[in-house]
Protein backbone atom coordinates (compact mmCIF):
# COMPACT_ATOMS: atom_id res chain seq x y z
CA UNK A 1 0.04 -0.08 0.10
CA UNK A 2 2.38 2.66 1.11
CA UNK A 3 6.12 2.17 0.29
CA UNK A 4 7.49 3.01 3.83
CA UNK A 5 10.81 1.79 4.53
CA UNK A 6 12.79 1.49 7.79
CA UNK A 7 14.11 5.09 7.80
CA UNK A 8 10.96 6.48 7.28
CA UNK A 9 9.49 4.65 10.36
CA UNK A 10 12.22 5.55 12.54
CA UNK A 11 11.61 9.46 11.76
CA UNK A 12 7.81 8.75 12.33
CA UNK A 13 8.49 7.38 15.70
CA UNK A 14 10.96 10.23 16.89
CA UNK A 15 8.38 12.70 15.68
CA UNK A 16 5.52 10.91 17.62
CA UNK A 17 7.71 10.66 20.76
CA UNK A 18 8.37 14.32 20.68
CA UNK A 19 4.84 15.22 20.09
CA UNK A 20 3.14 12.82 22.53
CA UNK A 21 5.69 12.23 24.93
CA UNK A 22 6.91 9.03 26.65
CA UNK A 23 3.99 8.43 28.70
CA UNK A 24 1.10 8.78 26.18
CA UNK A 25 3.10 6.93 23.14
CA UNK A 26 2.17 3.44 24.50
CA UNK A 27 -1.55 4.19 24.91
CA UNK A 28 -1.59 5.88 21.39
CA UNK A 29 0.30 2.87 19.95
CA UNK A 30 -2.27 0.35 21.56
CA UNK A 31 -5.20 2.49 20.22
CA UNK A 32 -3.75 2.48 16.84
CA UNK A 33 -3.33 -1.19 16.98
CA UNK A 34 -6.78 -1.75 17.86
CA UNK A 35 -8.08 0.56 15.27
CA UNK A 36 -6.19 -1.05 12.59
CA UNK A 37 -7.38 -4.43 13.83
CA UNK A 38 -11.15 -3.24 13.81
CA UNK A 39 -10.52 -1.84 10.36
CA UNK A 40 -9.04 -5.08 9.12
CA UNK A 41 -11.96 -7.02 10.28
CA UNK A 42 -14.63 -4.68 8.96
CA UNK A 43 -12.82 -4.90 5.38
CA UNK A 44 -12.75 -8.42 5.64
CA UNK A 45 -16.62 -8.53 6.69
CA UNK A 46 -17.31 -6.24 3.74
CA UNK A 47 -15.37 -8.38 1.45
CA UNK A 48 -17.14 -11.72 2.69
CA UNK A 49 -20.38 -9.98 2.27
CA UNK A 50 -19.72 -8.86 -1.34
CA UNK A 51 -18.49 -12.20 -2.10
CA UNK A 52 -21.66 -14.08 -0.75
CA UNK A 53 -23.95 -11.88 -2.66
CA UNK A 54 -21.99 -12.42 -5.81
CA UNK A 55 -22.33 -16.12 -5.08
CA UNK A 56 -26.15 -15.61 -4.62
CA UNK A 57 -26.56 -13.85 -7.59
CA UNK A 58 -24.28 -16.06 -9.80
CA UNK A 59 -26.56 -19.03 -8.46
CA UNK A 60 -29.83 -17.17 -9.26
CA UNK A 61 -28.67 -16.57 -12.83
CA UNK A 62 -27.28 -19.98 -13.22
CA UNK A 63 -30.68 -21.20 -12.26
CA UNK A 64 -32.55 -19.00 -14.58
CA UNK A 65 -30.17 -20.16 -17.47
CA UNK A 66 -30.89 -23.78 -16.73
CA UNK A 67 -34.66 -23.17 -16.45
CA UNK A 68 -34.80 -21.22 -19.82
CA UNK A 69 -32.18 -24.25 -21.15
CA UNK A 70 -35.09 -26.78 -20.05
CA UNK A 71 -37.81 -24.95 -21.65
CA UNK A 72 -36.00 -24.36 -24.84
CA UNK A 73 -35.14 -28.07 -24.91
CA UNK A 74 -38.84 -29.06 -24.16
CA UNK A 75 -40.26 -26.71 -26.90
CA UNK A 76 -37.67 -28.03 -29.53
CA UNK A 77 -38.68 -31.56 -28.83
CA UNK A 78 -42.41 -30.93 -28.88
CA UNK A 79 -41.73 -28.97 -32.13
CA UNK A 80 -39.70 -31.83 -33.61
CA UNK A 81 -42.74 -34.31 -32.61
CA UNK A 82 -45.15 -31.90 -34.15
CA UNK A 83 -42.98 -31.81 -37.42
CA UNK A 84 -42.68 -35.73 -37.39
CA UNK A 85 -46.53 -36.12 -36.96
CA UNK A 86 -47.06 -33.44 -39.94
CA UNK A 87 -44.51 -35.14 -42.06
CA UNK A 88 -46.47 -38.62 -41.30
CA UNK A 89 -49.64 -36.90 -42.13
CA UNK A 90 -48.43 -35.38 -45.51
CA UNK A 91 -46.95 -38.85 -46.16
CA UNK A 92 -50.02 -40.59 -45.81
CA UNK A 93 -52.02 -38.03 -47.80
CA UNK A 94 -49.64 -38.19 -50.71
CA UNK A 95 -49.92 -41.95 -50.66
CA UNK A 96 -53.82 -41.74 -50.73
CA UNK A 97 -53.62 -39.18 -53.74
CA UNK A 98 -51.24 -41.39 -55.62
CA UNK A 99 -53.72 -44.36 -55.08
CA UNK A 100 -56.69 -42.25 -55.93
CA UNK A 101 -54.79 -40.80 -59.17
CA UNK A 102 -53.88 -44.55 -60.00
CA UNK A 103 -57.45 -45.70 -59.65
CA UNK A 104 -58.80 -42.75 -61.49
CA UNK A 105 -56.22 -43.49 -64.36
CA UNK A 106 -57.18 -47.13 -64.42
CA UNK A 107 -60.61 -46.39 -64.39
CA UNK A 108 -60.11 -43.70 -67.55
CA UNK A 109 -58.11 -46.35 -69.42
CA UNK A 110 -60.84 -48.57 -68.93
CA UNK A 111 -63.49 -45.96 -69.92
CA UNK A 112 -61.51 -45.15 -73.00
CA UNK A 113 -61.13 -48.89 -74.06
CA UNK A 114 -64.93 -49.11 -73.80
CA UNK A 115 -65.56 -46.14 -75.57
CA UNK A 116 -62.96 -47.25 -78.47
CA UNK A 117 -64.73 -50.42 -78.65
CA UNK A 118 -68.25 -48.69 -78.88
CA UNK A 119 -67.00 -46.01 -81.35
CA UNK A 120 -65.49 -48.51 -83.86
CA UNK A 121 -68.74 -50.33 -84.24
CA UNK A 122 -71.01 -47.32 -84.26
CA UNK A 123 -68.94 -44.79 -86.04
CA UNK A 124 -69.49 -45.95 -89.58
CA UNK A 125 -70.93 -43.14 -91.39
CA UNK A 126 -69.79 -40.50 -88.91
CA UNK A 127 -66.56 -38.18 -89.63
CA UNK A 128 -64.07 -36.71 -87.29
CA UNK A 129 -66.18 -33.93 -85.75
CA UNK A 130 -69.15 -36.67 -85.21
CA UNK A 131 -71.45 -35.45 -87.85
CA UNK A 132 -72.88 -37.91 -90.41
CA UNK A 133 -71.45 -38.15 -93.93
CA UNK A 134 -73.51 -37.01 -96.50
């Protein structure tokens, strides 16, 4: 803290001895020692208090982050399940549409074959646009 060497301490001690006298110097030394001890103790208490508050705050923040992480994880899992369900529905609807198209196509081809069979037997005398020849 202060860069005080041995020569400076000797000078301070001599000045204190001259100002206070030999009778009061030990009392002042005791009071100064007690005061410094109490100051150190108070500073340590403040330091401990600040560290405790910091630990509590850090713990609260850590808990909040953990809660948010859990919520995000649950929501992502739920969203993934919803997407999977939607994909399954789309796949099943696509299969139904494909089956419907194949059934309609098969039915259309069958109707075309029937119509071709009917048109060859009943189209003698008709032109391309369906009118009778004159």
